[in-house]
Amino acid sequence: MKRDDSAIRVLDHAVDGKKAWKRADLRQGDWLFCLTPECLAEVRATALQLRARPAGAGEPDASGFEMPACRKLMAEVRKVLDDGVRFAIVDRLPLEELGNDIGRGVYWILSTMVARPVEQKLTGTLVYDVHDTGEKAAAGSGVRPDKTNMEQYFHNDNSYNTTPPQYVGLLCERPARSGGISHVISFYTMHNELLRTRPEVLPRLYRPFWFDRQKEYLPGEPQVIREPMFSYDGRLRARMGLFQIQSGYTMQGEAMDDEAVAAFAALKEVFAKPELTFDFTLERGQLQFANNRELCHRRTGFEDFEDPAQKRMIVRVWLRDAGERRYQG
């Protein structure tokens, strides 16, 4: 049967503006937000309230904390995620003063000012520790690359789920001894570059690929899903998971078609162009937020400290206003 791609809506022209930035376009004011003295005063007052809670900091209901200056700042962050460069760094929570547990509570509250936190695993995990466990990621193992110190491909989070998060938040509790450098690239910039240099591969990226679901599926469900990398509904949205796609084809016992192989090679060519990407290293107490469907990110491999108390620890939340709060919401 001949494949009918006529119903697939494709972005067929280059786009411009903040969302399609290149490295040379970025200015610090596009992505950096500093906690003002008013915000820090609210953070300290909130910390006092969290310390007085019998259950500890936990995952508090943000509606119980006024924090008008912080709410204004986080509304500006949300605007950048939706209409600006699609990522933001918030500098910074005073973790030496707050302590990690209270710092996590404040981070949770600030994150809920961007959008609603959602589950990151079928077990209901809402706050997820990104750190090296010593495990190795392999096809079908269920070990996510974020539980290793391996170098990551460019990706967006949870590309292999039916309902990926809208935004991703990160809090740096402890950086690595070396490495762990963050890189970001706009999907609009990627798409523009492919349209300019390799337009022949774009149609394949709008058709489905197999994704390894990383053992996050209900009993009786398949261990892989089949989804396109790109979709367009007036906004370009992506599912970028080259590691999960390669694993998905391995698990299916199926070789990638020639068009898919060519599209993979073209994507890697784009990722290798430093003028299209931006890199930074999160420091202790800094928060990072990203539009997960419109921005691609990666982390270089890293070396950790020997002391477990000093090992790299990044605290992640996934945020999504649409659907339900559950993992497959």
C-alpha atoms as a PDB file:
ATOM      1  CA  MET A   1       0.000   0.000   0.000  1.00  0.00           C
ATOM      2  CA  LYS A   2       1.396   3.400  -0.926  1.00  0.00           C
ATOM      3  CA  ARG A   3       2.070   5.672   2.052  1.00  0.00           C
ATOM      4  CA  ASP A   4      -0.130   8.777   2.208  1.00  0.00           C
ATOM      5  CA  ASP A   5       1.666  11.722   3.819  1.00  0.00           C
ATOM      6  CA  SER A   6      -0.801  14.327   2.569  1.00  0.00           C
ATOM      7  CA  ALA A   7      -2.524  14.666   5.962  1.00  0.00           C
ATOM      8  CA  ILE A   8       0.742  15.446   7.765  1.00  0.00           C
ATOM      9  CA  ARG A   9       1.147  19.160   8.397  1.00  0.00           C
ATOM     10  CA  VAL A  10       4.757  20.238   7.840  1.00  0.00           C
ATOM     11  CA  LEU A  11       6.511  23.513   8.643  1.00  0.00           C
ATOM     12  CA  ASP A  12       7.702  24.369   5.134  1.00  0.00           C
ATOM     13  CA  HIS A  13       9.326  27.769   5.660  1.00  0.00           C
ATOM     14  CA  ALA A  14      12.066  29.304   7.777  1.00  0.00           C
ATOM     15  CA  VAL A  15      11.011  31.136  10.941  1.00  0.00           C
ATOM     16  CA  ASP A  16      12.677  34.013  12.731  1.00  0.00           C
ATOM     17  CA  GLY A  17      12.466  35.852  16.044  1.00  0.00           C
ATOM     18  CA  LYS A  18      13.563  34.918  19.555  1.00  0.00           C
ATOM     19  CA  LYS A  19      12.462  31.298  19.199  1.00  0.00           C
ATOM     20  CA  ALA A  20      14.887  30.679  16.308  1.00  0.00           C
ATOM     21  CA  TRP A  21      18.006  32.032  18.008  1.00  0.00           C
ATOM     22  CA  LYS A  22      21.617  31.287  17.214  1.00  0.00           C
ATOM     23  CA  ARG A  23      24.463  31.625  19.703  1.00  0.00           C
ATOM     24  CA  ALA A  24      25.438  35.077  18.408  1.00  0.00           C
ATOM     25  CA  ASP A  25      21.875  36.338  18.859  1.00  0.00           C
ATOM     26  CA  LEU A  26      21.630  35.585  22.582  1.00  0.00           C
ATOM     27  CA  ARG A  27      21.955  38.304  25.181  1.00  0.00           C
ATOM     28  CA  GLN A  28      22.149  37.606  28.905  1.00  0.00           C
ATOM     29  CA  GLY A  29      18.869  39.421  29.455  1.00  0.00           C
ATOM     30  CA  ASP A  30      17.143  36.896  27.174  1.00  0.00           C
ATOM     31  CA  TRP A  31      17.657  33.998  29.574  1.00  0.00           C
ATOM     32  CA  LEU A  32      19.123  35.081  32.943  1.00  0.00           C
ATOM     33  CA  PHE A  33      16.838  36.020  35.848  1.00  0.00           C
ATOM     34  CA  CYS A  34      18.330  37.049  39.170  1.00  0.00           C
ATOM     35  CA  LEU A  35      16.393  36.720  42.402  1.00  0.00           C
ATOM     36  CA  THR A  36      15.872  40.305  43.550  1.00  0.00           C
ATOM     37  CA  PRO A  37      16.287  41.375  47.188  1.00  0.00           C
ATOM     38  CA  GLU A  38      12.477  41.272  47.439  1.00  0.00           C
ATOM     39  CA  CYS A  39      12.443  37.707  46.071  1.00  0.00           C
ATOM     40  CA  LEU A  40      15.176  36.598  48.464  1.00  0.00           C
ATOM     41  CA  ALA A  41      13.278  38.088  51.402  1.00  0.00           C
ATOM     42  CA  GLU A  42      10.226  36.050  50.345  1.00  0.00           C
ATOM     43  CA  VAL A  43      12.383  32.931  49.964  1.00  0.00           C
ATOM     44  CA  ARG A  44      13.703  33.337  53.515  1.00  0.00           C
ATOM     45  CA  ALA A  45      10.214  33.912  54.915  1.00  0.00           C
ATOM     46  CA  THR A  46       8.963  30.834  53.062  1.00  0.00           C
ATOM     47  CA  ALA A  47      11.878  28.808  54.422  1.00  0.00           C
ATOM     48  CA  LEU A  48      10.810  29.697  57.962  1.00  0.00           C
ATOM     49  CA  GLN A  49       7.300  28.440  57.225  1.00  0.00           C
ATOM     50  CA  LEU A  50       8.623  25.212  55.700  1.00  0.00           C
ATOM     51  CA  ARG A  51      10.840  24.538  58.718  1.00  0.00           C
ATOM     52  CA  ALA A  52       7.782  24.835  60.958  1.00  0.00           C
ATOM     53  CA  ARG A  53       5.847  22.175  59.019  1.00  0.00           C
ATOM     54  CA  PRO A  54       5.540  18.872  60.906  1.00  0.00           C
ATOM     55  CA  ALA A  55       6.049  16.927  57.674  1.00  0.00           C
ATOM     56  CA  GLY A  56       9.075  18.958  56.570  1.00  0.00           C
ATOM     57  CA  ALA A  57       9.463  20.821  53.296  1.00  0.00           C
ATOM     58  CA  GLY A  58       8.056  18.106  51.011  1.00  0.00           C
ATOM     59  CA  GLU A  59       5.927  19.255  48.058  1.00  0.00           C
ATOM     60  CA  PRO A  60       3.926  22.138  49.548  1.00  0.00           C
ATOM     61  CA  ASP A  61       0.847  23.740  48.048  1.00  0.00           C
ATOM     62  CA  ALA A  62       2.160  27.014  46.602  1.00  0.00           C
ATOM     63  CA  SER A  63      -1.203  28.722  47.167  1.00  0.00           C
ATOM     64  CA  GLY A  64      -0.327  28.897  50.863  1.00  0.00           C
ATOM     65  CA  PHE A  65       2.607  31.235  50.208  1.00  0.00           C
ATOM     66  CA  GLU A  66       2.084  34.813  49.028  1.00  0.00           C
ATOM     67  CA  MET A  67       5.487  35.575  47.453  1.00  0.00           C
ATOM     68  CA  PRO A  68       4.307  38.321  45.034  1.00  0.00           C
ATOM     69  CA  ALA A  69       7.803  39.290  43.868  1.00  0.00           C
ATOM     70  CA  CYS A  70       8.676  35.669  43.144  1.00  0.00           C
ATOM     71  CA  ARG A  71       5.383  35.119  41.338  1.00  0.00           C
ATOM     72  CA  LYS A  72       6.101  38.113  39.117  1.00  0.00           C
ATOM     73  CA  LEU A  73       9.599  36.822  38.349  1.00  0.00           C
ATOM     74  CA  MET A  74       8.397  33.318  37.542  1.00  0.00           C
ATOM     75  CA  ALA A  75       5.659  34.727  35.287  1.00  0.00           C
ATOM     76  CA  GLU A  76       8.468  36.416  33.349  1.00  0.00           C
ATOM     77  CA  VAL A  77      10.278  33.087  33.168  1.00  0.00           C
ATOM     78  CA  ARG A  78       7.140  31.408  31.797  1.00  0.00           C
ATOM     79  CA  LYS A  79       6.853  34.137  29.144  1.00  0.00           C
ATOM     80  CA  VAL A  80      10.426  33.478  27.992  1.00  0.00           C
ATOM     81  CA  LEU A  81       9.679  29.742  27.812  1.00  0.00           C
ATOM     82  CA  ASP A  82       6.568  30.327  25.689  1.00  0.00           C
ATOM     83  CA  ASP A  83       7.474  33.341  23.571  1.00  0.00           C
ATOM     84  CA  GLY A  84      11.202  33.982  24.019  1.00  0.00           C
ATOM     85  CA  VAL A  85      14.344  31.872  23.711  1.00  0.00           C
ATOM     86  CA  ARG A  86      12.611  28.886  25.379  1.00  0.00           C
ATOM     87  CA  PHE A  87      15.040  28.500  28.308  1.00  0.00           C
ATOM     88  CA  ALA A  88      15.892  30.438  31.468  1.00  0.00           C
ATOM     89  CA  ILE A  89      18.370  30.335  34.346  1.00  0.00           C
ATOM     90  CA  VAL A  90      17.234  31.669  37.737  1.00  0.00           C
ATOM     91  CA  ASP A  91      20.170  32.800  39.896  1.00  0.00           C
ATOM     92  CA  ARG A  92      20.013  31.619  42.683  1.00  0.00           C
ATOM     93  CA  LEU A  93      18.684  29.946  45.817  1.00  0.00           C
ATOM     94  CA  PRO A  94      21.045  30.406  48.817  1.00  0.00           C
ATOM     95  CA  LEU A  95      21.359  26.685  49.555  1.00  0.00           C
ATOM     96  CA  GLU A  96      24.208  27.131  52.033  1.00  0.00           C
ATOM     97  CA  GLU A  97      21.775  29.137  54.137  1.00  0.00           C
ATOM     98  CA  LEU A  98      18.577  27.190  53.419  1.00  0.00           C
ATOM     99  CA  GLY A  99      19.944  23.666  53.410  1.00  0.00           C
ATOM    100  CA  ASN A 100      19.138  21.197  50.635  1.00  0.00           C
ATOM    101  CA  ASP A 101      15.800  19.939  52.002  1.00  0.00           C
ATOM    102  CA  ILE A 102      14.304  23.396  52.490  1.00  0.00           C
ATOM    103  CA  GLY A 103      15.887  24.503  49.224  1.00  0.00           C
ATOM    104  CA  ARG A 104      14.005  21.722  47.447  1.00  0.00           C
ATOM    105  CA  GLY A 105      10.762  22.897  49.026  1.00  0.00           C
ATOM    106  CA  VAL A 106      11.311  26.463  47.827  1.00  0.00           C
ATOM    107  CA  TYR A 107      12.316  25.196  44.368  1.00  0.00           C
ATOM    108  CA  TRP A 108       9.085  23.176  44.217  1.00  0.00           C
ATOM    109  CA  ILE A 109       7.027  26.271  45.042  1.00  0.00           C
ATOM    110  CA  LEU A 110       8.817  28.388  42.425  1.00  0.00           C
ATOM    111  CA  SER A 111       8.346  25.641  39.829  1.00  0.00           C
ATOM    112  CA  THR A 112       4.591  25.476  40.459  1.00  0.00           C
ATOM    113  CA  MET A 113       4.481  29.175  39.572  1.00  0.00           C
ATOM    114  CA  VAL A 114       5.536  28.141  36.031  1.00  0.00           C
ATOM    115  CA  ALA A 115       3.115  25.219  35.605  1.00  0.00           C
ATOM    116  CA  ARG A 116       1.705  22.157  37.381  1.00  0.00           C
ATOM    117  CA  PRO A 117       4.213  19.443  38.351  1.00  0.00           C
ATOM    118  CA  VAL A 118       3.447  16.015  36.883  1.00  0.00           C
ATOM    119  CA  GLU A 119       4.665  12.485  37.536  1.00  0.00           C
ATOM    120  CA  GLN A 120       8.043  11.432  36.141  1.00  0.00           C
ATOM    121  CA  LYS A 121       7.528   7.683  36.618  1.00  0.00           C
ATOM    122  CA  LEU A 122       4.588   5.289  36.773  1.00  0.00           C
ATOM    123  CA  THR A 123       5.344   4.929  40.476  1.00  0.00           C
ATOM    124  CA  GLY A 124       4.205   8.537  40.964  1.00  0.00           C
ATOM    125  CA  THR A 125       7.581  10.234  41.447  1.00  0.00           C
ATOM    126  CA  LEU A 126       7.154  14.016  41.285  1.00  0.00           C
ATOM    127  CA  VAL A 127      10.664  15.109  42.313  1.00  0.00           C
ATOM    128  CA  TYR A 128      13.408  13.180  40.552  1.00  0.00           C
ATOM    129  CA  ASP A 129      17.102  13.023  41.423  1.00  0.00           C
ATOM    130  CA  VAL A 130      19.395  13.182  38.396  1.00  0.00           C
ATOM    131  CA  HIS A 131      22.683  11.574  39.442  1.00  0.00           C
ATOM    132  CA  ASP A 132      25.075   8.789  38.521  1.00  0.00           C
ATOM    133  CA  THR A 133      24.015   5.502  40.111  1.00  0.00           C
ATOM    134  CA  GLY A 134      26.793   3.470  38.484  1.00  0.00           C
ATOM    135  CA  GLU A 135      24.271   1.672  36.253  1.00  0.00           C
ATOM    136  CA  LYS A 136      24.684   1.389  32.479  1.00  0.00           C
ATOM    137  CA  ALA A 137      22.018   2.390  29.974  1.00  0.00           C
ATOM    138  CA  ALA A 138      21.288  -0.176  27.253  1.00  0.00           C
ATOM    139  CA  ALA A 139      18.397  -1.079  24.989  1.00  0.00           C
ATOM    140  CA  GLY A 140      15.499  -2.407  27.048  1.00  0.00           C
ATOM    141  CA  SER A 141      17.311  -2.005  30.384  1.00  0.00           C
ATOM    142  CA  GLY A 142      15.019   0.751  31.623  1.00  0.00           C
ATOM    143  CA  VAL A 143      18.108   2.634  32.853  1.00  0.00           C
ATOM    144  CA  ARG A 144      17.703   6.242  31.819  1.00  0.00           C
ATOM    145  CA  PRO A 145      20.871   8.066  30.696  1.00  0.00           C
ATOM    146  CA  ASP A 146      20.193  10.603  33.473  1.00  0.00           C
ATOM    147  CA  LYS A 147      21.101   7.862  35.979  1.00  0.00           C
ATOM    148  CA  THR A 148      24.595   7.575  34.480  1.00  0.00           C
ATOM    149  CA  ASN A 149      27.565   9.874  33.888  1.00  0.00           C
ATOM    150  CA  MET A 150      27.558   9.123  30.155  1.00  0.00           C
ATOM    151  CA  GLU A 151      27.620  11.841  27.533  1.00  0.00           C
ATOM    152  CA  GLN A 152      24.111  12.424  26.270  1.00  0.00           C
ATOM    153  CA  TYR A 153      22.767  13.056  22.806  1.00  0.00           C
ATOM    154  CA  PHE A 154      20.684  16.180  22.314  1.00  0.00           C
ATOM    155  CA  HIS A 155      17.175  15.264  23.424  1.00  0.00           C
ATOM    156  CA  ASN A 156      14.053  16.483  25.124  1.00  0.00           C
ATOM    157  CA  ASP A 157      12.763  14.783  28.245  1.00  0.00           C
ATOM    158  CA  ASN A 158      10.324  11.882  28.102  1.00  0.00           C
ATOM    159  CA  SER A 159      10.130  11.825  24.308  1.00  0.00           C
ATOM    160  CA  TYR A 160       9.148   8.157  24.651  1.00  0.00           C
ATOM    161  CA  ASN A 161       5.966   8.775  26.665  1.00  0.00           C
ATOM    162  CA  THR A 162       2.446   9.374  25.372  1.00  0.00           C
ATOM    163  CA  THR A 163       2.374  12.743  27.186  1.00  0.00           C
ATOM    164  CA  PRO A 164       5.810  14.401  27.503  1.00  0.00           C
ATOM    165  CA  PRO A 165       6.111  17.350  29.896  1.00  0.00           C
ATOM    166  CA  GLN A 166       5.567  20.863  28.621  1.00  0.00           C
ATOM    167  CA  TYR A 167       8.451  22.284  30.670  1.00  0.00           C
ATOM    168  CA  VAL A 168      11.413  20.896  32.595  1.00  0.00           C
ATOM    169  CA  GLY A 169      12.869  22.440  35.754  1.00  0.00           C
ATOM    170  CA  LEU A 170      16.291  21.657  37.251  1.00  0.00           C
ATOM    171  CA  LEU A 171      17.882  22.678  40.542  1.00  0.00           C
ATOM    172  CA  CYS A 172      21.620  22.222  40.920  1.00  0.00           C
ATOM    173  CA  GLU A 173      22.336  20.997  44.438  1.00  0.00           C
ATOM    174  CA  ARG A 174      25.887  19.936  43.613  1.00  0.00           C
ATOM    175  CA  PRO A 175      27.820  20.232  40.326  1.00  0.00           C
ATOM    176  CA  ALA A 176      30.225  17.530  39.182  1.00  0.00           C
ATOM    177  CA  ARG A 177      33.951  17.713  39.842  1.00  0.00           C
ATOM    178  CA  SER A 178      34.418  18.231  36.093  1.00  0.00           C
ATOM    179  CA  GLY A 179      32.208  18.078  33.012  1.00  0.00           C
ATOM    180  CA  GLY A 180      28.428  17.971  33.073  1.00  0.00           C
ATOM    181  CA  ILE A 181      28.230  21.010  30.793  1.00  0.00           C
ATOM    182  CA  SER A 182      24.723  21.833  29.539  1.00  0.00           C
ATOM    183  CA  HIS A 183      24.045  22.589  25.864  1.00  0.00           C
ATOM    184  CA  VAL A 184      20.771  23.828  24.382  1.00  0.00           C
ATOM    185  CA  ILE A 185      19.494  24.377  20.850  1.00  0.00           C
ATOM    186  CA  SER A 186      16.137  25.615  19.617  1.00  0.00           C
ATOM    187  CA  PHE A 187      14.098  23.158  17.579  1.00  0.00           C
ATOM    188  CA  TYR A 188      13.156  26.094  15.333  1.00  0.00           C
ATOM    189  CA  THR A 189      16.836  26.794  14.687  1.00  0.00           C
ATOM    190  CA  MET A 190      17.424  23.106  13.949  1.00  0.00           C
ATOM    191  CA  HIS A 191      14.485  23.019  11.568  1.00  0.00           C
ATOM    192  CA  ASN A 192      15.655  26.179   9.789  1.00  0.00           C
ATOM    193  CA  GLU A 193      19.118  24.670   9.326  1.00  0.00           C
ATOM    194  CA  LEU A 194      17.748  21.399   7.961  1.00  0.00           C
ATOM    195  CA  LEU A 195      15.467  23.323   5.612  1.00  0.00           C
ATOM    196  CA  ARG A 196      18.510  25.271   4.387  1.00  0.00           C
ATOM    197  CA  THR A 197      21.033  22.438   4.112  1.00  0.00           C
ATOM    198  CA  ARG A 198      19.205  19.071   4.040  1.00  0.00           C
ATOM    199  CA  PRO A 199      15.546  19.699   3.102  1.00  0.00           C
ATOM    200  CA  GLU A 200      15.212  16.192   1.669  1.00  0.00           C
ATOM    201  CA  VAL A 201      15.376  14.619   5.163  1.00  0.00           C
ATOM    202  CA  LEU A 202      12.626  16.717   6.750  1.00  0.00           C
ATOM    203  CA  PRO A 203       9.610  14.699   5.550  1.00  0.00           C
ATOM    204  CA  ARG A 204      10.988  11.568   7.266  1.00  0.00           C
ATOM    205  CA  LEU A 205      11.224  13.404  10.600  1.00  0.00           C
ATOM    206  CA  TYR A 206       7.456  14.018  10.463  1.00  0.00           C
ATOM    207  CA  ARG A 207       6.804  10.262  10.155  1.00  0.00           C
ATOM    208  CA  PRO A 208       6.980   7.761  13.047  1.00  0.00           C
ATOM    209  CA  PHE A 209      10.046   6.147  14.636  1.00  0.00           C
ATOM    210  CA  TRP A 210      10.213   3.391  17.242  1.00  0.00           C
ATOM    211  CA  PHE A 211      11.022   4.644  20.762  1.00  0.00           C
ATOM    212  CA  ASP A 212      12.172   2.467  23.689  1.00  0.00           C
ATOM    213  CA  ARG A 213       9.749   3.334  26.532  1.00  0.00           C
ATOM    214  CA  GLN A 214      12.444   2.748  29.175  1.00  0.00           C
ATOM    215  CA  LYS A 215      10.225   0.161  30.947  1.00  0.00           C
ATOM    216  CA  GLU A 216       7.687   2.884  31.822  1.00  0.00           C
ATOM    217  CA  TYR A 217       4.471   1.259  30.628  1.00  0.00           C
ATOM    218  CA  LEU A 218       1.501  -0.538  32.153  1.00  0.00           C
ATOM    219  CA  PRO A 219       1.076  -4.337  32.150  1.00  0.00           C
ATOM    220  CA  GLY A 220       0.001  -5.528  28.730  1.00  0.00           C
ATOM    221  CA  GLU A 221       1.255  -2.404  26.955  1.00  0.00           C
ATOM    222  CA  PRO A 222       4.018  -2.613  24.311  1.00  0.00           C
ATOM    223  CA  GLN A 223       7.607  -1.873  25.328  1.00  0.00           C
ATOM    224  CA  VAL A 224       7.992   0.601  22.461  1.00  0.00           C
ATOM    225  CA  ILE A 225       5.898   3.397  20.989  1.00  0.00           C
ATOM    226  CA  ARG A 226       5.870   4.760  17.454  1.00  0.00           C
ATOM    227  CA  GLU A 227       5.855   8.538  17.121  1.00  0.00           C
ATOM    228  CA  PRO A 228       7.266  11.197  14.748  1.00  0.00           C
ATOM    229  CA  MET A 229      10.145  13.411  15.836  1.00  0.00           C
ATOM    230  CA  PHE A 230       8.531  16.589  14.493  1.00  0.00           C
ATOM    231  CA  SER A 231       4.926  17.756  14.441  1.00  0.00           C
ATOM    232  CA  TYR A 232       3.476  21.133  13.542  1.00  0.00           C
ATOM    233  CA  ASP A 233       0.193  22.728  14.558  1.00  0.00           C
ATOM    234  CA  GLY A 234       1.193  26.372  14.240  1.00  0.00           C
ATOM    235  CA  ARG A 235       3.959  25.671  16.780  1.00  0.00           C
ATOM    236  CA  LEU A 236       6.767  23.253  16.043  1.00  0.00           C
ATOM    237  CA  ARG A 237       6.896  20.458  18.619  1.00  0.00           C
ATOM    238  CA  ALA A 238       9.434  17.694  18.833  1.00  0.00           C
ATOM    239  CA  ARG A 239      10.214  14.314  20.355  1.00  0.00           C
ATOM    240  CA  MET A 240      13.994  14.097  20.178  1.00  0.00           C
ATOM    241  CA  GLY A 241      15.427  10.907  21.636  1.00  0.00           C
ATOM    242  CA  LEU A 242      18.119   9.423  19.392  1.00  0.00           C
ATOM    243  CA  PHE A 243      19.258   7.026  22.133  1.00  0.00           C
ATOM    244  CA  GLN A 244      15.684   5.843  22.761  1.00  0.00           C
ATOM    245  CA  ILE A 245      15.014   5.536  19.014  1.00  0.00           C
ATOM    246  CA  GLN A 246      18.120   3.445  18.400  1.00  0.00           C
ATOM    247  CA  SER A 247      17.116   1.271  21.367  1.00  0.00           C
ATOM    248  CA  GLY A 248      13.572   1.042  20.035  1.00  0.00           C
ATOM    249  CA  TYR A 249      14.699  -0.354  16.700  1.00  0.00           C
ATOM    250  CA  THR A 250      17.041  -2.796  18.475  1.00  0.00           C
ATOM    251  CA  MET A 251      14.157  -4.008  20.634  1.00  0.00           C
ATOM    252  CA  GLN A 252      11.943  -4.410  17.579  1.00  0.00           C
ATOM    253  CA  GLY A 253      14.672  -6.359  15.774  1.00  0.00           C
ATOM    254  CA  GLU A 254      14.202  -3.954  12.907  1.00  0.00           C
ATOM    255  CA  ALA A 255      16.746  -1.961  10.924  1.00  0.00           C
ATOM    256  CA  MET A 256      16.122   1.726  10.344  1.00  0.00           C
ATOM    257  CA  ASP A 257      15.009   2.545   6.820  1.00  0.00           C
ATOM    258  CA  ASP A 258      17.458   4.460   4.627  1.00  0.00           C
ATOM    259  CA  GLU A 259      15.521   7.712   4.982  1.00  0.00           C
ATOM    260  CA  ALA A 260      15.674   7.442   8.774  1.00  0.00           C
ATOM    261  CA  VAL A 261      19.420   6.796   8.680  1.00  0.00           C
ATOM    262  CA  ALA A 262      19.919   9.867   6.492  1.00  0.00           C
ATOM    263  CA  ALA A 263      17.750  11.976   8.823  1.00  0.00           C
ATOM    264  CA  PHE A 264      19.779  10.831  11.854  1.00  0.00           C
ATOM    265  CA  ALA A 265      23.023  11.790  10.118  1.00  0.00           C
ATOM    266  CA  ALA A 266      21.629  15.206   9.186  1.00  0.00           C
ATOM    267  CA  LEU A 267      20.499  15.867  12.769  1.00  0.00           C
ATOM    268  CA  LYS A 268      23.958  15.019  14.087  1.00  0.00           C
ATOM    269  CA  GLU A 269      25.490  17.438  11.567  1.00  0.00           C
ATOM    270  CA  VAL A 270      23.267  20.210  12.922  1.00  0.00           C
ATOM    271  CA  PHE A 271      24.041  19.327  16.548  1.00  0.00           C
ATOM    272  CA  ALA A 272      27.766  19.606  15.791  1.00  0.00           C
ATOM    273  CA  LYS A 273      27.523  23.254  14.713  1.00  0.00           C
ATOM    274  CA  PRO A 274      28.529  25.349  17.768  1.00  0.00           C
ATOM    275  CA  GLU A 275      27.128  28.536  16.261  1.00  0.00           C
ATOM    276  CA  LEU A 276      23.628  27.050  16.619  1.00  0.00           C
ATOM    277  CA  THR A 277      23.960  25.992  20.270  1.00  0.00           C
ATOM    278  CA  PHE A 278      24.565  27.621  23.652  1.00  0.00           C
ATOM    279  CA  ASP A 279      26.383  26.056  26.585  1.00  0.00           C
ATOM    280  CA  PHE A 280      26.653  26.760  30.312  1.00  0.00           C
ATOM    281  CA  THR A 281      27.371  24.976  33.573  1.00  0.00           C
ATOM    282  CA  LEU A 282      24.727  25.077  36.285  1.00  0.00           C
ATOM    283  CA  GLU A 283      26.166  26.184  39.611  1.00  0.00           C
ATOM    284  CA  ARG A 284      24.976  25.290  43.106  1.00  0.00           C
ATOM    285  CA  GLY A 285      21.628  26.911  43.832  1.00  0.00           C
ATOM    286  CA  GLN A 286      20.874  27.857  40.224  1.00  0.00           C
ATOM    287  CA  LEU A 287      17.602  26.811  38.588  1.00  0.00           C
ATOM    288  CA  GLN A 288      17.131  26.011  34.922  1.00  0.00           C
ATOM    289  CA  PHE A 289      13.771  25.921  33.132  1.00  0.00           C
ATOM    290  CA  ALA A 290      13.180  24.878  29.520  1.00  0.00           C
ATOM    291  CA  ASN A 291      10.293  24.556  27.104  1.00  0.00           C
ATOM    292  CA  ASN A 292      10.590  20.802  26.683  1.00  0.00           C
ATOM    293  CA  ARG A 293       8.719  20.532  23.364  1.00  0.00           C
ATOM    294  CA  GLU A 294      10.486  23.408  21.602  1.00  0.00           C
ATOM    295  CA  LEU A 295      14.033  23.261  22.978  1.00  0.00           C
ATOM    296  CA  CYS A 296      16.584  20.456  22.789  1.00  0.00           C
ATOM    297  CA  HIS A 297      19.225  19.911  25.462  1.00  0.00           C
ATOM    298  CA  ARG A 298      22.135  17.673  26.310  1.00  0.00           C
ATOM    299  CA  ARG A 299      24.764  17.221  29.003  1.00  0.00           C
ATOM    300  CA  THR A 300      28.371  16.263  28.491  1.00  0.00           C
ATOM    301  CA  GLY A 301      29.835  13.323  30.373  1.00  0.00           C
ATOM    302  CA  PHE A 302      31.236  14.122  33.785  1.00  0.00           C
ATOM    303  CA  GLU A 303      33.627  12.967  36.493  1.00  0.00           C
ATOM    304  CA  ASP A 304      32.333  12.899  40.035  1.00  0.00           C
ATOM    305  CA  PHE A 305      33.890  13.328  43.433  1.00  0.00           C
ATOM    306  CA  GLU A 306      34.754  10.213  45.406  1.00  0.00           C
ATOM    307  CA  ASP A 307      32.879  11.412  48.491  1.00  0.00           C
ATOM    308  CA  PRO A 308      29.172  10.478  48.086  1.00  0.00           C
ATOM    309  CA  ALA A 309      28.201  13.685  49.891  1.00  0.00           C
ATOM    310  CA  GLN A 310      29.874  15.719  47.134  1.00  0.00           C
ATOM    311  CA  LYS A 311      28.655  13.813  44.076  1.00  0.00           C
ATOM    312  CA  ARG A 312      26.736  15.655  41.376  1.00  0.00           C
ATOM    313  CA  MET A 313      23.033  16.036  42.215  1.00  0.00           C
ATOM    314  CA  ILE A 314      20.477  17.753  40.006  1.00  0.00           C
ATOM    315  CA  VAL A 315      16.840  17.857  41.167  1.00  0.00           C
ATOM    316  CA  ARG A 316      14.295  17.695  38.347  1.00  0.00           C
ATOM    317  CA  VAL A 317      10.614  18.503  38.012  1.00  0.00           C
ATOM    318  CA  TRP A 318       8.409  18.004  34.988  1.00  0.00           C
ATOM    319  CA  LEU A 319       5.646  20.547  34.420  1.00  0.00           C
ATOM    320  CA  ARG A 320       2.523  20.323  32.264  1.00  0.00           C
ATOM    321  CA  ASP A 321      -0.795  22.146  32.509  1.00  0.00           C
ATOM    322  CA  ALA A 322      -2.635  19.967  29.980  1.00  0.00           C
ATOM    323  CA  GLY A 323      -4.130  16.577  30.760  1.00  0.00           C
ATOM    324  CA  GLU A 324      -3.883  14.787  34.083  1.00  0.00           C
ATOM    325  CA  ARG A 325      -1.064  14.819  36.602  1.00  0.00           C
ATOM    326  CA  ARG A 326      -0.278  11.128  36.207  1.00  0.00           C
ATOM    327  CA  TYR A 327       2.694   9.889  34.152  1.00  0.00           C
ATOM    328  CA  GLN A 328       0.587   8.949  31.144  1.00  0.00           C
ATOM    329  CA  GLY A 329      -1.686  11.947  31.682  1.00  0.00           C
END
